[in-house]
Amino acid sequence: MTAEQAVTALENTFGVTPGERRNHTKGTCAAGEFVGTAAAAPYSRSALFSGKPVPVVARFSLAGGNPKAPDTAKSARGMALEFRLPGDNLQHITMLNTPIFGAAKPQTFVDMIIASRPDPATGKPDPEKIKAFQTSHPDNLAQATFLAKNNPPPSYANSAFFGIHTFKFINSDNKITYVRWRFVPQDGEKRLTNEQLKTSPPNFLEEALIKRTKQGPIRWDMLVSIGEPGDTEDNPTIAWPDNRKTIKFGTLTISSAMPQKGAECEKINFDPLVMSDGIEPTNDPILLFRSPAYAFSFAKRMGGI
């Protein structure tokens, strides 16, 4: 499986909007800051956790390559963050509002995109093809079940976002700790009711986010779970047990939001492997594949293709 094959599958399923992302095409830009806590020091030496405000450029989005996807769709929502650290260093964090991912390996992700291709006769995915895909790809089951059972949020401000992958934190003594993180909204988690799912307009998330930032800052707490022996390090489809030690490592504050056209987040490639000293990737095949796939898509859209 190559990055080109993955991007081509997205293009064949969703079509191409020249100059736009091939996945998570529909999105909104935002800006704010992150302040880490002293509790992070025993685990990571990253400047992200210095305790000083770190400027952040953010992007909120819907999964898929349809720029007109309805905000009621039972698909994943994304939060992508670029932390601008001292010395022109960067830290990227890209997350979904599902605690697990829908593929343990790139082939499953591409097969899912192919199975989701709309039937020309109906304009919708063929239920039989989706069923066949899910039967033959058990690693997709956990995320598919979560999305089916949980309605999407009425606002990005009311959604938790998960790092999905396992990462390595490295402290000043070079000690490695395996971690997973999530960002939990101080506004509280909320979901659309079944009735709201039927009656809500197709575009409300961007307006809700912009309106909310005008009322005051939106905050998410970064909660980091500490891994224990036996916890999976390379499979984002398997959740860690709920009883893992969890520590607050900082707070993200979003103070403004705006349509992405011409805004700062529009041209950022939120490559999840852009990391600061003190944070490293694991050998998760999905995490490692995202970087070249993002780069291939980025090169296309920057070329106006």
C-alpha atoms as a PDB file:
ATOM      1  CA  MET A   1       0.000   0.000   0.000  1.00  0.00           C
ATOM      2  CA  THR A   2       1.400   3.372  -1.050  1.00  0.00           C
ATOM      3  CA  ALA A   3       0.448   6.944  -0.223  1.00  0.00           C
ATOM      4  CA  GLU A   4      -0.537   7.476  -3.852  1.00  0.00           C
ATOM      5  CA  GLN A   5      -2.915   4.496  -3.749  1.00  0.00           C
ATOM      6  CA  ALA A   6      -4.577   5.826  -0.597  1.00  0.00           C
ATOM      7  CA  VAL A   7      -5.047   9.334  -2.009  1.00  0.00           C
ATOM      8  CA  THR A   8      -6.295   7.936  -5.329  1.00  0.00           C
ATOM      9  CA  ALA A   9      -8.893   5.851  -3.477  1.00  0.00           C
ATOM     10  CA  LEU A  10     -10.143   8.988  -1.715  1.00  0.00           C
ATOM     11  CA  GLU A  11     -10.312  10.851  -5.026  1.00  0.00           C
ATOM     12  CA  ASN A  12     -12.206   8.023  -6.734  1.00  0.00           C
ATOM     13  CA  THR A  13     -14.753   7.849  -3.914  1.00  0.00           C
ATOM     14  CA  PHE A  14     -15.314  11.515  -3.129  1.00  0.00           C
ATOM     15  CA  GLY A  15     -14.130  13.250  -6.271  1.00  0.00           C
ATOM     16  CA  VAL A  16     -11.541  16.018  -6.369  1.00  0.00           C
ATOM     17  CA  THR A  17     -11.987  19.582  -5.179  1.00  0.00           C
ATOM     18  CA  PRO A  18      -8.913  21.305  -6.680  1.00  0.00           C
ATOM     19  CA  GLY A  19      -6.655  22.896  -4.090  1.00  0.00           C
ATOM     20  CA  GLU A  20      -8.435  21.204  -1.180  1.00  0.00           C
ATOM     21  CA  ARG A  21      -7.558  18.353   1.166  1.00  0.00           C
ATOM     22  CA  ARG A  22      -8.427  14.866  -0.082  1.00  0.00           C
ATOM     23  CA  ASN A  23      -9.663  13.807   3.364  1.00  0.00           C
ATOM     24  CA  HIS A  24     -11.291  15.908   6.085  1.00  0.00           C
ATOM     25  CA  THR A  25     -12.012  18.359   3.278  1.00  0.00           C
ATOM     26  CA  LYS A  26     -14.733  20.295   5.106  1.00  0.00           C
ATOM     27  CA  GLY A  27     -13.212  22.244   7.964  1.00  0.00           C
ATOM     28  CA  THR A  28     -12.905  25.397  10.012  1.00  0.00           C
ATOM     29  CA  CYS A  29      -9.804  27.278  11.185  1.00  0.00           C
ATOM     30  CA  ALA A  30      -9.194  28.443  14.739  1.00  0.00           C
ATOM     31  CA  ALA A  31      -6.445  29.906  16.913  1.00  0.00           C
ATOM     32  CA  GLY A  32      -5.475  29.985  20.554  1.00  0.00           C
ATOM     33  CA  GLU A  33      -2.814  28.750  22.964  1.00  0.00           C
ATOM     34  CA  PHE A  34      -1.782  25.788  25.093  1.00  0.00           C
ATOM     35  CA  VAL A  35      -0.349  25.869  28.603  1.00  0.00           C
ATOM     36  CA  GLY A  36       1.242  22.709  29.983  1.00  0.00           C
ATOM     37  CA  THR A  37       1.365  21.599  33.609  1.00  0.00           C
ATOM     38  CA  ALA A  38       4.261  20.697  35.887  1.00  0.00           C
ATOM     39  CA  ALA A  39       2.787  17.185  36.148  1.00  0.00           C
ATOM     40  CA  ALA A  40       4.205  16.454  32.683  1.00  0.00           C
ATOM     41  CA  ALA A  41       7.869  16.929  33.692  1.00  0.00           C
ATOM     42  CA  PRO A  42       8.453  13.388  35.027  1.00  0.00           C
ATOM     43  CA  TYR A  43       7.292  11.998  31.688  1.00  0.00           C
ATOM     44  CA  SER A  44       8.321  14.367  28.884  1.00  0.00           C
ATOM     45  CA  ARG A  45      10.949  17.059  28.397  1.00  0.00           C
ATOM     46  CA  SER A  46       9.019  18.578  25.483  1.00  0.00           C
ATOM     47  CA  ALA A  47       8.818  22.370  25.421  1.00  0.00           C
ATOM     48  CA  LEU A  48       5.105  21.845  24.887  1.00  0.00           C
ATOM     49  CA  PHE A  49       4.837  21.330  28.640  1.00  0.00           C
ATOM     50  CA  SER A  50       7.046  24.227  29.755  1.00  0.00           C
ATOM     51  CA  GLY A  51       4.143  25.921  31.540  1.00  0.00           C
ATOM     52  CA  LYS A  52       4.464  28.952  29.263  1.00  0.00           C
ATOM     53  CA  PRO A  53       1.719  29.804  26.744  1.00  0.00           C
ATOM     54  CA  VAL A  54       2.348  28.154  23.360  1.00  0.00           C
ATOM     55  CA  PRO A  55       0.578  29.661  20.311  1.00  0.00           C
ATOM     56  CA  VAL A  56      -1.689  27.208  18.504  1.00  0.00           C
ATOM     57  CA  VAL A  57      -3.199  27.124  15.022  1.00  0.00           C
ATOM     58  CA  ALA A  58      -6.112  24.687  14.924  1.00  0.00           C
ATOM     59  CA  ARG A  59      -8.413  23.085  12.383  1.00  0.00           C
ATOM     60  CA  PHE A  60     -11.718  21.319  13.064  1.00  0.00           C
ATOM     61  CA  SER A  61     -13.124  19.052  10.377  1.00  0.00           C
ATOM     62  CA  LEU A  62     -15.387  16.251   9.169  1.00  0.00           C
ATOM     63  CA  ALA A  63     -13.910  12.962   7.937  1.00  0.00           C
ATOM     64  CA  GLY A  64     -14.143  12.216   4.231  1.00  0.00           C
ATOM     65  CA  GLY A  65     -13.466  14.055   1.007  1.00  0.00           C
ATOM     66  CA  ASN A  66     -16.873  15.642   0.485  1.00  0.00           C
ATOM     67  CA  PRO A  67     -16.642  19.432   0.999  1.00  0.00           C
ATOM     68  CA  LYS A  68     -20.448  19.543   1.314  1.00  0.00           C
ATOM     69  CA  ALA A  69     -20.793  16.686   3.818  1.00  0.00           C
ATOM     70  CA  PRO A  70     -23.729  17.370   6.174  1.00  0.00           C
ATOM     71  CA  ASP A  71     -22.774  18.179   9.752  1.00  0.00           C
ATOM     72  CA  THR A  72     -25.264  15.532  10.870  1.00  0.00           C
ATOM     73  CA  ALA A  73     -23.271  12.745   9.207  1.00  0.00           C
ATOM     74  CA  LYS A  74     -22.332   9.875  11.516  1.00  0.00           C
ATOM     75  CA  SER A  75     -18.694  10.168  10.606  1.00  0.00           C
ATOM     76  CA  ALA A  76     -15.664  11.155  12.649  1.00  0.00           C
ATOM     77  CA  ARG A  77     -14.848  14.760  13.542  1.00  0.00           C
ATOM     78  CA  GLY A  78     -11.248  15.924  13.635  1.00  0.00           C
ATOM     79  CA  MET A  79      -9.143  18.355  15.629  1.00  0.00           C
ATOM     80  CA  ALA A  80      -5.698  19.186  14.231  1.00  0.00           C
ATOM     81  CA  LEU A  81      -3.271  21.352  16.185  1.00  0.00           C
ATOM     82  CA  GLU A  82       0.006  23.049  15.308  1.00  0.00           C
ATOM     83  CA  PHE A  83       1.880  24.164  18.428  1.00  0.00           C
ATOM     84  CA  ARG A  84       4.457  26.851  17.700  1.00  0.00           C
ATOM     85  CA  LEU A  85       7.308  26.267  20.123  1.00  0.00           C
ATOM     86  CA  PRO A  86      10.372  28.436  20.799  1.00  0.00           C
ATOM     87  CA  GLY A  87      13.143  28.343  18.220  1.00  0.00           C
ATOM     88  CA  ASP A  88      10.753  27.819  15.300  1.00  0.00           C
ATOM     89  CA  ASN A  89      10.080  24.278  16.491  1.00  0.00           C
ATOM     90  CA  LEU A  90       6.688  22.677  15.937  1.00  0.00           C
ATOM     91  CA  GLN A  91       4.543  19.997  17.512  1.00  0.00           C
ATOM     92  CA  HIS A  92       1.574  18.606  15.631  1.00  0.00           C
ATOM     93  CA  ILE A  93      -1.305  16.711  17.206  1.00  0.00           C
ATOM     94  CA  THR A  94      -4.069  15.310  14.993  1.00  0.00           C
ATOM     95  CA  MET A  95      -7.081  13.707  16.660  1.00  0.00           C
ATOM     96  CA  LEU A  96     -10.544  12.251  16.081  1.00  0.00           C
ATOM     97  CA  ASN A  97     -13.631  12.276  18.266  1.00  0.00           C
ATOM     98  CA  THR A  98     -13.608   8.466  18.373  1.00  0.00           C
ATOM     99  CA  PRO A  99     -11.444   6.716  20.991  1.00  0.00           C
ATOM    100  CA  ILE A 100     -10.208   4.206  18.414  1.00  0.00           C
ATOM    101  CA  PHE A 101      -9.459   4.191  14.694  1.00  0.00           C
ATOM    102  CA  GLY A 102     -11.185   2.112  12.019  1.00  0.00           C
ATOM    103  CA  ALA A 103      -8.128   0.319  10.684  1.00  0.00           C
ATOM    104  CA  ALA A 104      -5.131  -1.489  12.131  1.00  0.00           C
ATOM    105  CA  LYS A 105      -3.257  -1.297   8.829  1.00  0.00           C
ATOM    106  CA  PRO A 106      -3.382   1.021   5.800  1.00  0.00           C
ATOM    107  CA  GLN A 107      -4.963  -1.609   3.540  1.00  0.00           C
ATOM    108  CA  THR A 108      -8.088  -1.701   5.717  1.00  0.00           C
ATOM    109  CA  PHE A 109      -8.452   2.082   5.505  1.00  0.00           C
ATOM    110  CA  VAL A 110      -8.166   2.048   1.716  1.00  0.00           C
ATOM    111  CA  ASP A 111     -10.578  -0.879   1.404  1.00  0.00           C
ATOM    112  CA  MET A 112     -13.054   1.070   3.573  1.00  0.00           C
ATOM    113  CA  ILE A 113     -12.822   4.096   1.273  1.00  0.00           C
ATOM    114  CA  ILE A 114     -13.347   1.897  -1.792  1.00  0.00           C
ATOM    115  CA  ALA A 115     -16.338   0.152  -0.192  1.00  0.00           C
ATOM    116  CA  SER A 116     -17.847   3.575   0.597  1.00  0.00           C
ATOM    117  CA  ARG A 117     -17.858   4.675  -3.036  1.00  0.00           C
ATOM    118  CA  PRO A 118     -21.364   5.877  -3.950  1.00  0.00           C
ATOM    119  CA  ASP A 119     -23.461   3.712  -6.222  1.00  0.00           C
ATOM    120  CA  PRO A 120     -24.186   5.760  -9.397  1.00  0.00           C
ATOM    121  CA  ALA A 121     -27.817   4.652  -9.278  1.00  0.00           C
ATOM    122  CA  THR A 122     -28.503   5.832  -5.727  1.00  0.00           C
ATOM    123  CA  GLY A 123     -25.747   8.327  -4.983  1.00  0.00           C
ATOM    124  CA  LYS A 124     -25.118   6.448  -1.739  1.00  0.00           C
ATOM    125  CA  PRO A 125     -22.748   3.625  -0.720  1.00  0.00           C
ATOM    126  CA  ASP A 126     -23.967   0.116  -1.521  1.00  0.00           C
ATOM    127  CA  PRO A 127     -25.045  -1.466   1.814  1.00  0.00           C
ATOM    128  CA  GLU A 128     -23.975  -4.898   0.605  1.00  0.00           C
ATOM    129  CA  LYS A 129     -20.467  -3.690  -0.184  1.00  0.00           C
ATOM    130  CA  ILE A 130     -20.235  -2.040   3.237  1.00  0.00           C
ATOM    131  CA  LYS A 131     -21.436  -5.251   4.891  1.00  0.00           C
ATOM    132  CA  ALA A 132     -18.926  -7.341   2.952  1.00  0.00           C
ATOM    133  CA  PHE A 133     -16.125  -4.971   3.887  1.00  0.00           C
ATOM    134  CA  GLN A 134     -16.979  -5.065   7.593  1.00  0.00           C
ATOM    135  CA  THR A 135     -17.238  -8.855   7.559  1.00  0.00           C
ATOM    136  CA  SER A 136     -13.800  -9.215   5.997  1.00  0.00           C
ATOM    137  CA  HIS A 137     -12.155  -6.464   8.060  1.00  0.00           C
ATOM    138  CA  PRO A 138     -12.825  -7.041  11.771  1.00  0.00           C
ATOM    139  CA  ASP A 139     -10.349  -4.282  12.674  1.00  0.00           C
ATOM    140  CA  ASN A 140     -12.956  -1.763  11.470  1.00  0.00           C
ATOM    141  CA  LEU A 141     -15.653  -2.998  13.847  1.00  0.00           C
ATOM    142  CA  ALA A 142     -14.822  -1.026  17.005  1.00  0.00           C
ATOM    143  CA  GLN A 143     -14.881   2.418  15.386  1.00  0.00           C
ATOM    144  CA  ALA A 144     -17.886   1.577  13.195  1.00  0.00           C
ATOM    145  CA  THR A 145     -19.806   0.460  16.288  1.00  0.00           C
ATOM    146  CA  PHE A 146     -18.855   3.627  18.184  1.00  0.00           C
ATOM    147  CA  LEU A 147     -20.005   5.882  15.335  1.00  0.00           C
ATOM    148  CA  ALA A 148     -23.263   3.964  14.955  1.00  0.00           C
ATOM    149  CA  LYS A 149     -24.079   4.194  18.670  1.00  0.00           C
ATOM    150  CA  ASN A 150     -23.004   7.811  19.253  1.00  0.00           C
ATOM    151  CA  ASN A 151     -24.619  10.755  17.485  1.00  0.00           C
ATOM    152  CA  PRO A 152     -22.313  13.574  16.377  1.00  0.00           C
ATOM    153  CA  PRO A 153     -21.905  16.708  18.531  1.00  0.00           C
ATOM    154  CA  PRO A 154     -23.938  19.920  18.167  1.00  0.00           C
ATOM    155  CA  SER A 155     -20.675  21.867  18.359  1.00  0.00           C
ATOM    156  CA  TYR A 156     -16.966  21.109  18.156  1.00  0.00           C
ATOM    157  CA  ALA A 157     -16.802  22.780  21.578  1.00  0.00           C
ATOM    158  CA  ASN A 158     -18.830  19.879  23.004  1.00  0.00           C
ATOM    159  CA  SER A 159     -16.664  17.062  21.675  1.00  0.00           C
ATOM    160  CA  ALA A 160     -13.743  15.181  23.167  1.00  0.00           C
ATOM    161  CA  PHE A 161     -10.901  14.371  20.777  1.00  0.00           C
ATOM    162  CA  PHE A 162      -8.567  11.368  21.007  1.00  0.00           C
ATOM    163  CA  GLY A 163      -4.964  10.937  19.897  1.00  0.00           C
ATOM    164  CA  ILE A 164      -5.891   7.332  18.930  1.00  0.00           C
ATOM    165  CA  HIS A 165      -2.276   6.182  18.633  1.00  0.00           C
ATOM    166  CA  THR A 166       0.216   5.270  21.335  1.00  0.00           C
ATOM    167  CA  PHE A 167       3.175   7.648  21.623  1.00  0.00           C
ATOM    168  CA  LYS A 168       6.457   7.690  23.532  1.00  0.00           C
ATOM    169  CA  PHE A 169       7.112  10.411  26.073  1.00  0.00           C
ATOM    170  CA  ILE A 170      10.799  10.880  26.943  1.00  0.00           C
ATOM    171  CA  ASN A 171      11.894  12.798  30.039  1.00  0.00           C
ATOM    172  CA  SER A 172      15.143  14.592  30.883  1.00  0.00           C
ATOM    173  CA  ASP A 173      16.686  11.286  32.023  1.00  0.00           C
ATOM    174  CA  ASN A 174      15.785   9.643  28.687  1.00  0.00           C
ATOM    175  CA  LYS A 175      13.212   7.450  30.383  1.00  0.00           C
ATOM    176  CA  ILE A 176      10.499   6.324  27.936  1.00  0.00           C
ATOM    177  CA  THR A 177       6.835   6.149  28.924  1.00  0.00           C
ATOM    178  CA  TYR A 178       4.146   4.887  26.575  1.00  0.00           C
ATOM    179  CA  VAL A 179       1.099   7.152  26.577  1.00  0.00           C
ATOM    180  CA  ARG A 180      -2.214   7.910  24.934  1.00  0.00           C
ATOM    181  CA  TRP A 181      -3.994  11.238  25.212  1.00  0.00           C
ATOM    182  CA  ARG A 182      -7.361  12.839  24.778  1.00  0.00           C
ATOM    183  CA  PHE A 183      -8.620  16.432  24.896  1.00  0.00           C
ATOM    184  CA  VAL A 184     -11.784  16.790  26.985  1.00  0.00           C
ATOM    185  CA  PRO A 185     -13.992  19.903  26.593  1.00  0.00           C
ATOM    186  CA  GLN A 186     -14.618  22.040  29.652  1.00  0.00           C
ATOM    187  CA  ASP A 187     -17.971  22.938  28.046  1.00  0.00           C
ATOM    188  CA  GLY A 188     -18.953  19.289  28.534  1.00  0.00           C
ATOM    189  CA  GLU A 189     -19.611  16.565  25.986  1.00  0.00           C
ATOM    190  CA  LYS A 190     -22.958  16.727  24.191  1.00  0.00           C
ATOM    191  CA  ARG A 191     -24.529  14.869  21.282  1.00  0.00           C
ATOM    192  CA  LEU A 192     -27.380  15.637  18.937  1.00  0.00           C
ATOM    193  CA  THR A 193     -30.631  13.891  19.833  1.00  0.00           C
ATOM    194  CA  ASN A 194     -32.170  11.595  17.231  1.00  0.00           C
ATOM    195  CA  GLU A 195     -34.743  14.301  16.517  1.00  0.00           C
ATOM    196  CA  GLN A 196     -32.035  16.955  16.089  1.00  0.00           C
ATOM    197  CA  LEU A 197     -30.206  14.560  13.785  1.00  0.00           C
ATOM    198  CA  LYS A 198     -33.251  14.594  11.488  1.00  0.00           C
ATOM    199  CA  THR A 199     -34.023  18.307  11.652  1.00  0.00           C
ATOM    200  CA  SER A 200     -30.634  20.066  11.888  1.00  0.00           C
ATOM    201  CA  PRO A 201     -29.413  21.949   8.798  1.00  0.00           C
ATOM    202  CA  PRO A 202     -26.436  20.578   6.827  1.00  0.00           C
ATOM    203  CA  ASN A 203     -24.089  23.348   7.960  1.00  0.00           C
ATOM    204  CA  PHE A 204     -24.051  24.382  11.601  1.00  0.00           C
ATOM    205  CA  LEU A 205     -20.709  23.341  13.104  1.00  0.00           C
ATOM    206  CA  GLU A 206     -18.676  26.231  11.739  1.00  0.00           C
ATOM    207  CA  GLU A 207     -21.227  28.844  12.735  1.00  0.00           C
ATOM    208  CA  ALA A 208     -21.583  27.300  16.197  1.00  0.00           C
ATOM    209  CA  LEU A 209     -17.803  27.345  16.749  1.00  0.00           C
ATOM    210  CA  ILE A 210     -17.406  30.952  15.606  1.00  0.00           C
ATOM    211  CA  LYS A 211     -20.362  32.057  17.721  1.00  0.00           C
ATOM    212  CA  ARG A 212     -19.028  30.221  20.766  1.00  0.00           C
ATOM    213  CA  THR A 213     -15.569  31.840  20.532  1.00  0.00           C
ATOM    214  CA  LYS A 214     -17.193  35.276  20.395  1.00  0.00           C
ATOM    215  CA  GLN A 215     -18.841  34.500  23.742  1.00  0.00           C
ATOM    216  CA  GLY A 216     -15.489  33.641  25.329  1.00  0.00           C
ATOM    217  CA  PRO A 217     -12.581  31.176  25.119  1.00  0.00           C
ATOM    218  CA  ILE A 218     -13.243  27.452  24.614  1.00  0.00           C
ATOM    219  CA  ARG A 219     -11.046  25.103  26.636  1.00  0.00           C
ATOM    220  CA  TRP A 220     -10.076  21.446  26.461  1.00  0.00           C
ATOM    221  CA  ASP A 221      -7.988  19.654  29.110  1.00  0.00           C
ATOM    222  CA  MET A 222      -5.248  17.381  27.789  1.00  0.00           C
ATOM    223  CA  LEU A 223      -5.542  14.131  29.716  1.00  0.00           C
ATOM    224  CA  VAL A 224      -2.703  11.640  29.309  1.00  0.00           C
ATOM    225  CA  SER A 225      -3.108   7.947  30.105  1.00  0.00           C
ATOM    226  CA  ILE A 226       0.040   6.119  31.266  1.00  0.00           C
ATOM    227  CA  GLY A 227       0.574   2.749  29.632  1.00  0.00           C
ATOM    228  CA  GLU A 228       1.186  -0.480  31.487  1.00  0.00           C
ATOM    229  CA  PRO A 229       2.905  -3.698  30.358  1.00  0.00           C
ATOM    230  CA  GLY A 230       0.731  -5.501  27.835  1.00  0.00           C
ATOM    231  CA  ASP A 231      -1.049  -2.386  26.542  1.00  0.00           C
ATOM    232  CA  THR A 232      -1.014  -2.292  22.753  1.00  0.00           C
ATOM    233  CA  GLU A 233       1.586   0.060  21.313  1.00  0.00           C
ATOM    234  CA  ASP A 234       0.954  -0.356  17.589  1.00  0.00           C
ATOM    235  CA  ASN A 235      -2.777  -0.977  17.075  1.00  0.00           C
ATOM    236  CA  PRO A 236      -5.068   2.094  17.125  1.00  0.00           C
ATOM    237  CA  THR A 237      -8.210  -0.055  16.869  1.00  0.00           C
ATOM    238  CA  ILE A 238      -7.766  -1.395  20.416  1.00  0.00           C
ATOM    239  CA  ALA A 239      -8.620   0.882  23.342  1.00  0.00           C
ATOM    240  CA  TRP A 240      -6.608   0.815  26.544  1.00  0.00           C
ATOM    241  CA  PRO A 241      -8.418  -0.197  29.736  1.00  0.00           C
ATOM    242  CA  ASP A 242     -10.304   2.630  31.456  1.00  0.00           C
ATOM    243  CA  ASN A 243      -8.405   2.177  34.721  1.00  0.00           C
ATOM    244  CA  ARG A 244      -5.069   3.438  33.409  1.00  0.00           C
ATOM    245  CA  LYS A 245      -3.471   6.239  35.442  1.00  0.00           C
ATOM    246  CA  THR A 246      -4.557   9.522  33.828  1.00  0.00           C
ATOM    247  CA  ILE A 247      -2.882  12.904  34.403  1.00  0.00           C
ATOM    248  CA  LYS A 248      -3.797  16.392  33.226  1.00  0.00           C
ATOM    249  CA  PHE A 249      -0.839  17.640  31.164  1.00  0.00           C
ATOM    250  CA  GLY A 250      -2.238  21.003  30.129  1.00  0.00           C
ATOM    251  CA  THR A 251      -5.135  23.043  28.764  1.00  0.00           C
ATOM    252  CA  LEU A 252      -5.866  24.104  25.204  1.00  0.00           C
ATOM    253  CA  THR A 253      -7.661  27.435  24.825  1.00  0.00           C
ATOM    254  CA  ILE A 254      -9.299  28.364  21.510  1.00  0.00           C
ATOM    255  CA  SER A 255     -10.024  32.087  21.405  1.00  0.00           C
ATOM    256  CA  SER A 256     -11.089  32.630  17.794  1.00  0.00           C
ATOM    257  CA  ALA A 257     -12.485  30.678  14.841  1.00  0.00           C
ATOM    258  CA  MET A 258     -13.030  31.541  11.199  1.00  0.00           C
ATOM    259  CA  PRO A 259     -13.855  29.976   7.794  1.00  0.00           C
ATOM    260  CA  GLN A 260     -10.789  28.191   6.471  1.00  0.00           C
ATOM    261  CA  LYS A 261     -10.595  29.909   3.067  1.00  0.00           C
ATOM    262  CA  GLY A 262      -7.588  32.205   3.299  1.00  0.00           C
ATOM    263  CA  ALA A 263      -7.115  31.561   7.024  1.00  0.00           C
ATOM    264  CA  GLU A 264      -3.874  30.368   8.559  1.00  0.00           C
ATOM    265  CA  CYS A 265      -4.782  26.705   8.958  1.00  0.00           C
ATOM    266  CA  GLU A 266      -5.736  26.290   5.299  1.00  0.00           C
ATOM    267  CA  LYS A 267      -2.229  25.706   3.970  1.00  0.00           C
ATOM    268  CA  ILE A 268      -0.833  23.783   6.946  1.00  0.00           C
ATOM    269  CA  ASN A 269      -0.060  20.110   6.452  1.00  0.00           C
ATOM    270  CA  PHE A 270      -0.913  18.749   9.904  1.00  0.00           C
ATOM    271  CA  ASP A 271       1.585  15.882   9.664  1.00  0.00           C
ATOM    272  CA  PRO A 272       1.267  13.854  12.907  1.00  0.00           C
ATOM    273  CA  LEU A 273       4.954  12.928  12.777  1.00  0.00           C
ATOM    274  CA  VAL A 274       6.039  16.552  13.271  1.00  0.00           C
ATOM    275  CA  MET A 275       7.127  16.230  16.894  1.00  0.00           C
ATOM    276  CA  SER A 276       9.197  18.133  19.407  1.00  0.00           C
ATOM    277  CA  ASP A 277      12.066  16.699  21.422  1.00  0.00           C
ATOM    278  CA  GLY A 278      10.549  14.603  24.206  1.00  0.00           C
ATOM    279  CA  ILE A 279       7.747  13.066  22.108  1.00  0.00           C
ATOM    280  CA  GLU A 280       8.275  10.227  19.618  1.00  0.00           C
ATOM    281  CA  PRO A 281       6.109   7.888  17.537  1.00  0.00           C
ATOM    282  CA  THR A 282       5.681   4.168  18.064  1.00  0.00           C
ATOM    283  CA  ASN A 283       5.762   1.575  15.281  1.00  0.00           C
ATOM    284  CA  ASP A 284       2.031   1.916  14.678  1.00  0.00           C
ATOM    285  CA  PRO A 285       1.640   1.243  10.916  1.00  0.00           C
ATOM    286  CA  ILE A 286      -1.301   3.650  10.610  1.00  0.00           C
ATOM    287  CA  LEU A 287       0.558   6.473  12.372  1.00  0.00           C
ATOM    288  CA  LEU A 288       3.648   5.955  10.205  1.00  0.00           C
ATOM    289  CA  PHE A 289       1.546   5.778   7.008  1.00  0.00           C
ATOM    290  CA  ARG A 290      -0.325   9.002   7.675  1.00  0.00           C
ATOM    291  CA  SER A 291       2.777  11.152   7.154  1.00  0.00           C
ATOM    292  CA  PRO A 292       3.552  10.174   3.531  1.00  0.00           C
ATOM    293  CA  ALA A 293      -0.165  10.098   2.659  1.00  0.00           C
ATOM    294  CA  TYR A 294      -0.634  13.617   4.034  1.00  0.00           C
ATOM    295  CA  ALA A 295       2.463  14.785   2.166  1.00  0.00           C
ATOM    296  CA  PHE A 296       1.225  13.367  -1.148  1.00  0.00           C
ATOM    297  CA  SER A 297      -2.169  15.044  -0.711  1.00  0.00           C
ATOM    298  CA  PHE A 298      -0.505  18.290   0.410  1.00  0.00           C
ATOM    299  CA  ALA A 299       1.709  18.434  -2.684  1.00  0.00           C
ATOM    300  CA  LYS A 300      -1.317  17.992  -4.923  1.00  0.00           C
ATOM    301  CA  ARG A 301      -3.428  20.689  -3.333  1.00  0.00           C
ATOM    302  CA  MET A 302      -0.557  23.161  -3.115  1.00  0.00           C
ATOM    303  CA  GLY A 303      -0.161  22.613  -6.856  1.00  0.00           C
ATOM    304  CA  GLY A 304      -3.813  23.539  -7.304  1.00  0.00           C
ATOM    305  CA  ILE A 305      -4.715  20.005  -8.329  1.00  0.00           C
END
